[in-house]
Amino acid sequence: MRRLILINRKGGVGKTTSAVNISAALALLGKRVLLVDTDTQAHATLSLGVTSPEFTLLEVLLDGARGAPLQVRENLFLVPSSSRLSDFEVEAVKKPRKMIALRHFLDAVAEEFDFAVLDAPPSLGVIVLSGLLAAEEAIVPMPPHFLALKGLAETKALIDKVSRKNPALRLAWILPTFFNPQLRHTREVMQEIEKVFGRERILPPIKNSVRLTEAPALSQTIFEYAPRSPLAEAYMRVANIILEGGAS
């Protein structure tokens, strides 16, 4: 099972939208996908229409529970978030070994899935660190703005630091979001990212569109809400690159 984490220290960068739609695209390509919502806001959970789950990530982190992930679409399964995930922050301070509970859970279900996709919260806390300790391939969604470059640098530094404890972890790709190729500013930022990280680490960009906010309001992925849209095509291209292995 390949383990992806979508992470950015900044919020509002299209991270959860991308986690949901990349997971949905991989599922449509015939892969069994486990989406793990590690954000206390539970936006990925709500985006897929799940409101009152019996089994959540909190039970995994606090108790090492092996409850069954919830099937939300064909080939797509979910470990929902909980508003009480902050309880884990307190508990992990007292019992640091709980930081690897998520990794143990993914180890236990590894043969059941082709991919695990972790949606990380926009913060620096034990939940984020727990996700990074469990993941292998980090994807950083970011709008191509100069201010976002600082968030990218901070996220890369965090990934490098955690990789000392989890050698399997690497920054695999950068996903441009809210993309507007008409803007000179956008082109300049993309050139800077390419210069530092290389073109092979940059995934196909996701353009800004109101459809990306309308779809989760209806508990739909972009493939359900606008299956023939350029957005659906873009996320499918992203999924195919991930499937092929992409950057090493």
C-alpha atoms as a PDB file:
ATOM      1  CA  MET A   1       0.000   0.000   0.000  1.00  0.00           C
ATOM      2  CA  ARG A   2       1.349   3.404  -0.991  1.00  0.00           C
ATOM      3  CA  ARG A   3       0.870   6.103   1.629  1.00  0.00           C
ATOM      4  CA  LEU A   4       0.299   9.672   0.518  1.00  0.00           C
ATOM      5  CA  ILE A   5      -0.147  12.721   2.713  1.00  0.00           C
ATOM      6  CA  LEU A   6      -1.440  16.080   1.513  1.00  0.00           C
ATOM      7  CA  ILE A   7       0.117  18.698   3.713  1.00  0.00           C
ATOM      8  CA  ASN A   8       0.717  22.433   3.884  1.00  0.00           C
ATOM      9  CA  ARG A   9       1.427  24.572   6.935  1.00  0.00           C
ATOM     10  CA  LYS A  10      -0.952  27.188   5.506  1.00  0.00           C
ATOM     11  CA  GLY A  11      -4.721  26.761   5.356  1.00  0.00           C
ATOM     12  CA  GLY A  12      -7.009  27.615   2.460  1.00  0.00           C
ATOM     13  CA  VAL A  13      -4.746  26.107  -0.202  1.00  0.00           C
ATOM     14  CA  GLY A  14      -7.145  23.481  -1.594  1.00  0.00           C
ATOM     15  CA  LYS A  15      -5.632  20.651   0.419  1.00  0.00           C
ATOM     16  CA  THR A  16      -8.814  18.869   1.501  1.00  0.00           C
ATOM     17  CA  THR A  17     -10.484  19.371  -1.883  1.00  0.00           C
ATOM     18  CA  SER A  18      -7.453  17.802  -3.513  1.00  0.00           C
ATOM     19  CA  ALA A  19      -7.248  14.930  -1.008  1.00  0.00           C
ATOM     20  CA  VAL A  20     -10.885  14.025  -1.668  1.00  0.00           C
ATOM     21  CA  ASN A  21     -10.688  14.310  -5.447  1.00  0.00           C
ATOM     22  CA  ILE A  22      -7.323  12.569  -5.833  1.00  0.00           C
ATOM     23  CA  SER A  23      -8.713   9.720  -3.719  1.00  0.00           C
ATOM     24  CA  ALA A  24     -11.859   9.613  -5.859  1.00  0.00           C
ATOM     25  CA  ALA A  25      -9.814   9.626  -9.068  1.00  0.00           C
ATOM     26  CA  LEU A  26      -7.620   6.742  -7.914  1.00  0.00           C
ATOM     27  CA  ALA A  27     -10.768   4.824  -6.945  1.00  0.00           C
ATOM     28  CA  LEU A  28     -12.260   5.451 -10.408  1.00  0.00           C
ATOM     29  CA  LEU A  29      -9.037   4.057 -11.864  1.00  0.00           C
ATOM     30  CA  GLY A  30      -9.799   0.794 -10.088  1.00  0.00           C
ATOM     31  CA  LYS A  31      -7.574   1.176  -7.030  1.00  0.00           C
ATOM     32  CA  ARG A  32      -8.795   0.499  -3.502  1.00  0.00           C
ATOM     33  CA  VAL A  33      -8.247   3.750  -1.647  1.00  0.00           C
ATOM     34  CA  LEU A  34      -8.383   4.574   2.059  1.00  0.00           C
ATOM     35  CA  LEU A  35      -8.864   8.289   2.758  1.00  0.00           C
ATOM     36  CA  VAL A  36      -7.868   9.232   6.317  1.00  0.00           C
ATOM     37  CA  ASP A  37      -9.246  12.549   7.558  1.00  0.00           C
ATOM     38  CA  THR A  38      -6.815  13.804  10.214  1.00  0.00           C
ATOM     39  CA  ASP A  39      -8.176  17.354  10.403  1.00  0.00           C
ATOM     40  CA  THR A  40     -10.324  18.301  13.405  1.00  0.00           C
ATOM     41  CA  GLN A  41     -12.540  20.349  11.070  1.00  0.00           C
ATOM     42  CA  ALA A  42     -13.528  17.061   9.359  1.00  0.00           C
ATOM     43  CA  HIS A  43     -14.023  18.755   5.999  1.00  0.00           C
ATOM     44  CA  ALA A  44     -13.017  15.672   4.017  1.00  0.00           C
ATOM     45  CA  THR A  45     -15.491  13.626   6.037  1.00  0.00           C
ATOM     46  CA  LEU A  46     -18.294  16.124   5.471  1.00  0.00           C
ATOM     47  CA  SER A  47     -17.420  16.501   1.782  1.00  0.00           C
ATOM     48  CA  LEU A  48     -18.245  12.832   1.283  1.00  0.00           C
ATOM     49  CA  GLY A  49     -21.587  13.109   3.091  1.00  0.00           C
ATOM     50  CA  VAL A  50     -20.558  11.460   6.372  1.00  0.00           C
ATOM     51  CA  THR A  51     -22.005  13.259   9.402  1.00  0.00           C
ATOM     52  CA  SER A  52     -22.282  10.877  12.385  1.00  0.00           C
ATOM     53  CA  PRO A  53     -19.732   8.072  12.016  1.00  0.00           C
ATOM     54  CA  GLU A  54     -19.538   5.356  14.673  1.00  0.00           C
ATOM     55  CA  PHE A  55     -15.818   4.735  14.101  1.00  0.00           C
ATOM     56  CA  THR A  56     -13.397   7.657  13.747  1.00  0.00           C
ATOM     57  CA  LEU A  57      -9.690   8.376  13.683  1.00  0.00           C
ATOM     58  CA  LEU A  58      -9.850   9.242  17.382  1.00  0.00           C
ATOM     59  CA  GLU A  59     -10.396   5.566  18.296  1.00  0.00           C
ATOM     60  CA  VAL A  60      -7.385   4.635  16.164  1.00  0.00           C
ATOM     61  CA  LEU A  61      -5.099   7.208  17.764  1.00  0.00           C
ATOM     62  CA  LEU A  62      -6.192   6.860  21.384  1.00  0.00           C
ATOM     63  CA  ASP A  63      -7.045   3.166  21.622  1.00  0.00           C
ATOM     64  CA  GLY A  64      -5.313   1.538  18.647  1.00  0.00           C
ATOM     65  CA  ALA A  65      -8.755   0.404  17.499  1.00  0.00           C
ATOM     66  CA  ARG A  66      -9.118  -1.678  14.345  1.00  0.00           C
ATOM     67  CA  GLY A  67     -12.643  -0.640  13.395  1.00  0.00           C
ATOM     68  CA  ALA A  68     -13.663  -1.066   9.774  1.00  0.00           C
ATOM     69  CA  PRO A  69     -13.206   1.975   7.529  1.00  0.00           C
ATOM     70  CA  LEU A  70     -16.461   3.269   6.077  1.00  0.00           C
ATOM     71  CA  GLN A  71     -17.093   2.582   2.404  1.00  0.00           C
ATOM     72  CA  VAL A  72     -18.257   5.856   0.829  1.00  0.00           C
ATOM     73  CA  ARG A  73     -17.946   5.081  -2.897  1.00  0.00           C
ATOM     74  CA  GLU A  74     -16.949   2.116  -5.024  1.00  0.00           C
ATOM     75  CA  ASN A  75     -13.288   1.380  -4.163  1.00  0.00           C
ATOM     76  CA  LEU A  76     -13.194   4.386  -1.809  1.00  0.00           C
ATOM     77  CA  PHE A  77     -13.128   3.995   1.973  1.00  0.00           C
ATOM     78  CA  LEU A  78     -12.886   6.588   4.747  1.00  0.00           C
ATOM     79  CA  VAL A  79     -11.541   6.835   8.268  1.00  0.00           C
ATOM     80  CA  PRO A  80     -13.608   9.842   9.390  1.00  0.00           C
ATOM     81  CA  SER A  81     -12.341  12.646  11.561  1.00  0.00           C
ATOM     82  CA  SER A  82     -13.716  13.699  14.912  1.00  0.00           C
ATOM     83  CA  SER A  83     -14.117  17.118  16.504  1.00  0.00           C
ATOM     84  CA  ARG A  84     -12.556  15.514  19.599  1.00  0.00           C
ATOM     85  CA  LEU A  85      -9.226  14.861  17.894  1.00  0.00           C
ATOM     86  CA  SER A  86      -7.779  17.555  20.130  1.00  0.00           C
ATOM     87  CA  ASP A  87      -8.019  14.962  22.933  1.00  0.00           C
ATOM     88  CA  PHE A  88      -5.239  13.095  21.163  1.00  0.00           C
ATOM     89  CA  GLU A  89      -2.978  16.148  21.350  1.00  0.00           C
ATOM     90  CA  VAL A  90      -3.157  16.015  25.150  1.00  0.00           C
ATOM     91  CA  GLU A  91      -2.769  12.247  25.376  1.00  0.00           C
ATOM     92  CA  ALA A  92       0.230  12.095  23.021  1.00  0.00           C
ATOM     93  CA  VAL A  93       2.147  14.540  25.187  1.00  0.00           C
ATOM     94  CA  LYS A  94       1.791  12.105  28.105  1.00  0.00           C
ATOM     95  CA  LYS A  95       2.309   8.969  25.993  1.00  0.00           C
ATOM     96  CA  PRO A  96       4.566   9.744  22.993  1.00  0.00           C
ATOM     97  CA  ARG A  97       4.287   6.183  21.635  1.00  0.00           C
ATOM     98  CA  LYS A  98       0.743   7.015  20.582  1.00  0.00           C
ATOM     99  CA  MET A  99       2.352   9.131  17.841  1.00  0.00           C
ATOM    100  CA  ILE A 100       2.871   5.957  15.817  1.00  0.00           C
ATOM    101  CA  ALA A 101      -0.631   4.565  16.340  1.00  0.00           C
ATOM    102  CA  LEU A 102      -1.699   5.702  12.873  1.00  0.00           C
ATOM    103  CA  ARG A 103       1.313   4.012  11.284  1.00  0.00           C
ATOM    104  CA  HIS A 104       0.457   0.776  13.076  1.00  0.00           C
ATOM    105  CA  PHE A 105      -3.141   1.044  11.867  1.00  0.00           C
ATOM    106  CA  LEU A 106      -2.044   1.499   8.252  1.00  0.00           C
ATOM    107  CA  ASP A 107       0.367  -1.421   8.620  1.00  0.00           C
ATOM    108  CA  ALA A 108      -2.543  -3.575   9.782  1.00  0.00           C
ATOM    109  CA  VAL A 109      -4.779  -2.714   6.791  1.00  0.00           C
ATOM    110  CA  ALA A 110      -2.010  -2.473   4.189  1.00  0.00           C
ATOM    111  CA  GLU A 111      -3.036  -5.624   2.320  1.00  0.00           C
ATOM    112  CA  GLU A 112      -6.619  -4.379   1.952  1.00  0.00           C
ATOM    113  CA  PHE A 113      -5.817  -1.189   0.031  1.00  0.00           C
ATOM    114  CA  ASP A 114      -3.647   0.044  -2.818  1.00  0.00           C
ATOM    115  CA  PHE A 115      -3.419   3.598  -1.474  1.00  0.00           C
ATOM    116  CA  ALA A 116      -3.863   5.450   1.789  1.00  0.00           C
ATOM    117  CA  VAL A 117      -4.403   9.200   1.383  1.00  0.00           C
ATOM    118  CA  LEU A 118      -4.007  11.327   4.518  1.00  0.00           C
ATOM    119  CA  ASP A 119      -5.538  14.803   4.682  1.00  0.00           C
ATOM    120  CA  ALA A 120      -3.400  16.706   7.208  1.00  0.00           C
ATOM    121  CA  PRO A 121      -4.543  19.767   9.151  1.00  0.00           C
ATOM    122  CA  PRO A 122      -2.892  23.158   8.462  1.00  0.00           C
ATOM    123  CA  SER A 123      -0.965  23.275  11.713  1.00  0.00           C
ATOM    124  CA  LEU A 124       2.125  22.022  13.465  1.00  0.00           C
ATOM    125  CA  GLY A 125       1.019  19.589  16.128  1.00  0.00           C
ATOM    126  CA  VAL A 126       1.115  15.957  17.084  1.00  0.00           C
ATOM    127  CA  ILE A 127      -1.656  15.014  14.652  1.00  0.00           C
ATOM    128  CA  VAL A 128       0.386  16.350  11.733  1.00  0.00           C
ATOM    129  CA  LEU A 129       3.506  14.627  13.030  1.00  0.00           C
ATOM    130  CA  SER A 130       1.555  11.398  13.477  1.00  0.00           C
ATOM    131  CA  GLY A 131       0.488  11.586   9.825  1.00  0.00           C
ATOM    132  CA  LEU A 132       4.022  12.276   8.619  1.00  0.00           C
ATOM    133  CA  LEU A 133       5.351   9.348  10.639  1.00  0.00           C
ATOM    134  CA  ALA A 134       2.803   7.118   8.893  1.00  0.00           C
ATOM    135  CA  ALA A 135       3.244   8.448   5.341  1.00  0.00           C
ATOM    136  CA  GLU A 136       5.733   7.908   2.537  1.00  0.00           C
ATOM    137  CA  GLU A 137       4.928  10.383  -0.255  1.00  0.00           C
ATOM    138  CA  ALA A 138       4.084  13.986   0.634  1.00  0.00           C
ATOM    139  CA  ILE A 139       2.111  16.159  -1.764  1.00  0.00           C
ATOM    140  CA  VAL A 140       2.083  19.895  -1.044  1.00  0.00           C
ATOM    141  CA  PRO A 141      -0.897  21.738  -2.570  1.00  0.00           C
ATOM    142  CA  MET A 142      -0.188  25.443  -2.896  1.00  0.00           C
ATOM    143  CA  PRO A 143      -1.478  28.466  -4.814  1.00  0.00           C
ATOM    144  CA  PRO A 144       1.271  29.999  -6.967  1.00  0.00           C
ATOM    145  CA  HIS A 145       1.709  33.167  -4.893  1.00  0.00           C
ATOM    146  CA  PHE A 146       5.004  34.477  -3.579  1.00  0.00           C
ATOM    147  CA  LEU A 147       3.705  34.430  -0.002  1.00  0.00           C
ATOM    148  CA  ALA A 148       2.857  30.740  -0.441  1.00  0.00           C
ATOM    149  CA  LEU A 149       6.527  30.014  -1.178  1.00  0.00           C
ATOM    150  CA  LYS A 150       7.285  30.599   2.510  1.00  0.00           C
ATOM    151  CA  GLY A 151       4.673  27.994   3.466  1.00  0.00           C
ATOM    152  CA  LEU A 152       6.216  25.587   0.971  1.00  0.00           C
ATOM    153  CA  ALA A 153       9.685  26.110   2.441  1.00  0.00           C
ATOM    154  CA  GLU A 154       8.390  25.563   5.988  1.00  0.00           C
ATOM    155  CA  THR A 155       6.526  22.412   4.939  1.00  0.00           C
ATOM    156  CA  LYS A 156       9.608  21.062   3.157  1.00  0.00           C
ATOM    157  CA  ALA A 157      11.709  21.705   6.287  1.00  0.00           C
ATOM    158  CA  LEU A 158       9.153  19.857   8.417  1.00  0.00           C
ATOM    159  CA  ILE A 159       9.124  16.875   6.047  1.00  0.00           C
ATOM    160  CA  ASP A 160      12.931  16.756   6.073  1.00  0.00           C
ATOM    161  CA  LYS A 161      12.982  16.846   9.869  1.00  0.00           C
ATOM    162  CA  VAL A 162      10.422  14.046  10.285  1.00  0.00           C
ATOM    163  CA  SER A 163      12.191  11.934   7.645  1.00  0.00           C
ATOM    164  CA  ARG A 164      15.001  11.419  10.166  1.00  0.00           C
ATOM    165  CA  LYS A 165      12.505   9.358  12.181  1.00  0.00           C
ATOM    166  CA  ASN A 166      10.651   8.025   9.111  1.00  0.00           C
ATOM    167  CA  PRO A 167      13.225   7.442   6.336  1.00  0.00           C
ATOM    168  CA  ALA A 168      10.465   6.345   3.917  1.00  0.00           C
ATOM    169  CA  LEU A 169       9.022   9.889   3.901  1.00  0.00           C
ATOM    170  CA  ARG A 170       9.845  12.262   1.050  1.00  0.00           C
ATOM    171  CA  LEU A 171       8.417  15.310  -0.639  1.00  0.00           C
ATOM    172  CA  ALA A 172       7.159  13.701  -3.821  1.00  0.00           C
ATOM    173  CA  TRP A 173       5.161  16.428  -5.553  1.00  0.00           C
ATOM    174  CA  ILE A 174       3.908  19.997  -5.458  1.00  0.00           C
ATOM    175  CA  LEU A 175       0.335  20.542  -6.626  1.00  0.00           C
ATOM    176  CA  PRO A 176      -0.416  24.080  -7.906  1.00  0.00           C
ATOM    177  CA  THR A 177      -3.941  25.099  -6.883  1.00  0.00           C
ATOM    178  CA  PHE A 178      -6.099  28.178  -7.583  1.00  0.00           C
ATOM    179  CA  PHE A 179      -4.079  28.361 -10.777  1.00  0.00           C
ATOM    180  CA  ASN A 180      -4.441  31.241 -13.225  1.00  0.00           C
ATOM    181  CA  PRO A 181      -1.963  30.965 -16.124  1.00  0.00           C
ATOM    182  CA  GLN A 182      -2.957  34.411 -17.378  1.00  0.00           C
ATOM    183  CA  LEU A 183      -1.195  36.113 -14.486  1.00  0.00           C
ATOM    184  CA  ARG A 184       2.473  37.018 -14.830  1.00  0.00           C
ATOM    185  CA  HIS A 185       2.795  36.569 -11.071  1.00  0.00           C
ATOM    186  CA  THR A 186       1.661  32.948 -11.408  1.00  0.00           C
ATOM    187  CA  ARG A 187       4.202  32.238 -14.135  1.00  0.00           C
ATOM    188  CA  GLU A 188       7.029  33.780 -12.114  1.00  0.00           C
ATOM    189  CA  VAL A 189       6.212  31.723  -9.018  1.00  0.00           C
ATOM    190  CA  MET A 190       5.981  28.534 -11.064  1.00  0.00           C
ATOM    191  CA  GLN A 191       9.409  29.272 -12.553  1.00  0.00           C
ATOM    192  CA  GLU A 192      10.818  29.680  -9.048  1.00  0.00           C
ATOM    193  CA  ILE A 193       9.301  26.383  -7.863  1.00  0.00           C
ATOM    194  CA  GLU A 194      10.607  24.598 -10.956  1.00  0.00           C
ATOM    195  CA  LYS A 195      14.085  26.027 -10.410  1.00  0.00           C
ATOM    196  CA  VAL A 196      14.228  24.783  -6.815  1.00  0.00           C
ATOM    197  CA  PHE A 197      12.385  21.455  -7.052  1.00  0.00           C
ATOM    198  CA  GLY A 198      12.515  20.477 -10.735  1.00  0.00           C
ATOM    199  CA  ARG A 199       9.698  20.238 -13.263  1.00  0.00           C
ATOM    200  CA  GLU A 200       9.185  16.522 -12.584  1.00  0.00           C
ATOM    201  CA  ARG A 201       7.957  17.283  -9.064  1.00  0.00           C
ATOM    202  CA  ILE A 202       5.198  19.620 -10.211  1.00  0.00           C
ATOM    203  CA  LEU A 203       1.796  18.013 -10.788  1.00  0.00           C
ATOM    204  CA  PRO A 204      -0.732  19.314 -13.348  1.00  0.00           C
ATOM    205  CA  PRO A 205      -2.254  22.534 -11.969  1.00  0.00           C
ATOM    206  CA  ILE A 206      -5.791  22.834 -10.646  1.00  0.00           C
ATOM    207  CA  LYS A 207      -7.483  26.018 -11.812  1.00  0.00           C
ATOM    208  CA  ASN A 208      -9.656  28.111  -9.543  1.00  0.00           C
ATOM    209  CA  SER A 209     -13.373  27.403  -9.968  1.00  0.00           C
ATOM    210  CA  VAL A 210     -16.574  27.844  -7.981  1.00  0.00           C
ATOM    211  CA  ARG A 211     -17.376  24.219  -8.808  1.00  0.00           C
ATOM    212  CA  LEU A 212     -14.752  23.106  -6.308  1.00  0.00           C
ATOM    213  CA  THR A 213     -16.748  24.774  -3.525  1.00  0.00           C
ATOM    214  CA  GLU A 214     -20.158  23.747  -4.850  1.00  0.00           C
ATOM    215  CA  ALA A 215     -19.372  20.003  -5.087  1.00  0.00           C
ATOM    216  CA  PRO A 216     -18.632  19.330  -1.373  1.00  0.00           C
ATOM    217  CA  ALA A 217     -21.698  21.350  -0.391  1.00  0.00           C
ATOM    218  CA  LEU A 218     -23.685  18.617  -2.150  1.00  0.00           C
ATOM    219  CA  SER A 219     -21.495  15.833  -0.682  1.00  0.00           C
ATOM    220  CA  GLN A 220     -20.104  15.106  -4.135  1.00  0.00           C
ATOM    221  CA  THR A 221     -16.671  14.731  -5.662  1.00  0.00           C
ATOM    222  CA  ILE A 222     -15.846  16.726  -8.780  1.00  0.00           C
ATOM    223  CA  PHE A 223     -16.341  13.523 -10.782  1.00  0.00           C
ATOM    224  CA  GLU A 224     -19.948  13.333  -9.613  1.00  0.00           C
ATOM    225  CA  TYR A 225     -20.713  17.043  -9.752  1.00  0.00           C
ATOM    226  CA  ALA A 226     -18.979  17.985 -13.020  1.00  0.00           C
ATOM    227  CA  PRO A 227     -17.576  14.813 -14.587  1.00  0.00           C
ATOM    228  CA  ARG A 228     -16.783  16.405 -17.956  1.00  0.00           C
ATOM    229  CA  SER A 229     -15.235  19.567 -16.552  1.00  0.00           C
ATOM    230  CA  PRO A 230     -11.588  20.586 -16.976  1.00  0.00           C
ATOM    231  CA  LEU A 231     -11.294  20.204 -13.184  1.00  0.00           C
ATOM    232  CA  ALA A 232     -12.246  16.534 -13.327  1.00  0.00           C
ATOM    233  CA  GLU A 233      -9.784  16.041 -16.180  1.00  0.00           C
ATOM    234  CA  ALA A 234      -7.026  17.787 -14.206  1.00  0.00           C
ATOM    235  CA  TYR A 235      -7.528  15.663 -11.092  1.00  0.00           C
ATOM    236  CA  MET A 236      -7.567  12.533 -13.225  1.00  0.00           C
ATOM    237  CA  ARG A 237      -4.254  13.570 -14.795  1.00  0.00           C
ATOM    238  CA  VAL A 238      -2.841  14.087 -11.304  1.00  0.00           C
ATOM    239  CA  ALA A 239      -4.038  10.631 -10.252  1.00  0.00           C
ATOM    240  CA  ASN A 240      -2.491   8.994 -13.303  1.00  0.00           C
ATOM    241  CA  ILE A 241       0.889  10.598 -12.596  1.00  0.00           C
ATOM    242  CA  ILE A 242       0.718   9.413  -8.990  1.00  0.00           C
ATOM    243  CA  LEU A 243      -0.266   5.951 -10.198  1.00  0.00           C
ATOM    244  CA  GLU A 244       2.733   5.830 -12.526  1.00  0.00           C
ATOM    245  CA  GLY A 245       5.040   6.664  -9.639  1.00  0.00           C
ATOM    246  CA  GLY A 246       6.174  10.100 -10.806  1.00  0.00           C
ATOM    247  CA  ALA A 247       9.217  11.659  -9.221  1.00  0.00           C
ATOM    248  CA  SER A 248      11.667   9.560  -7.274  1.00  0.00           C
END
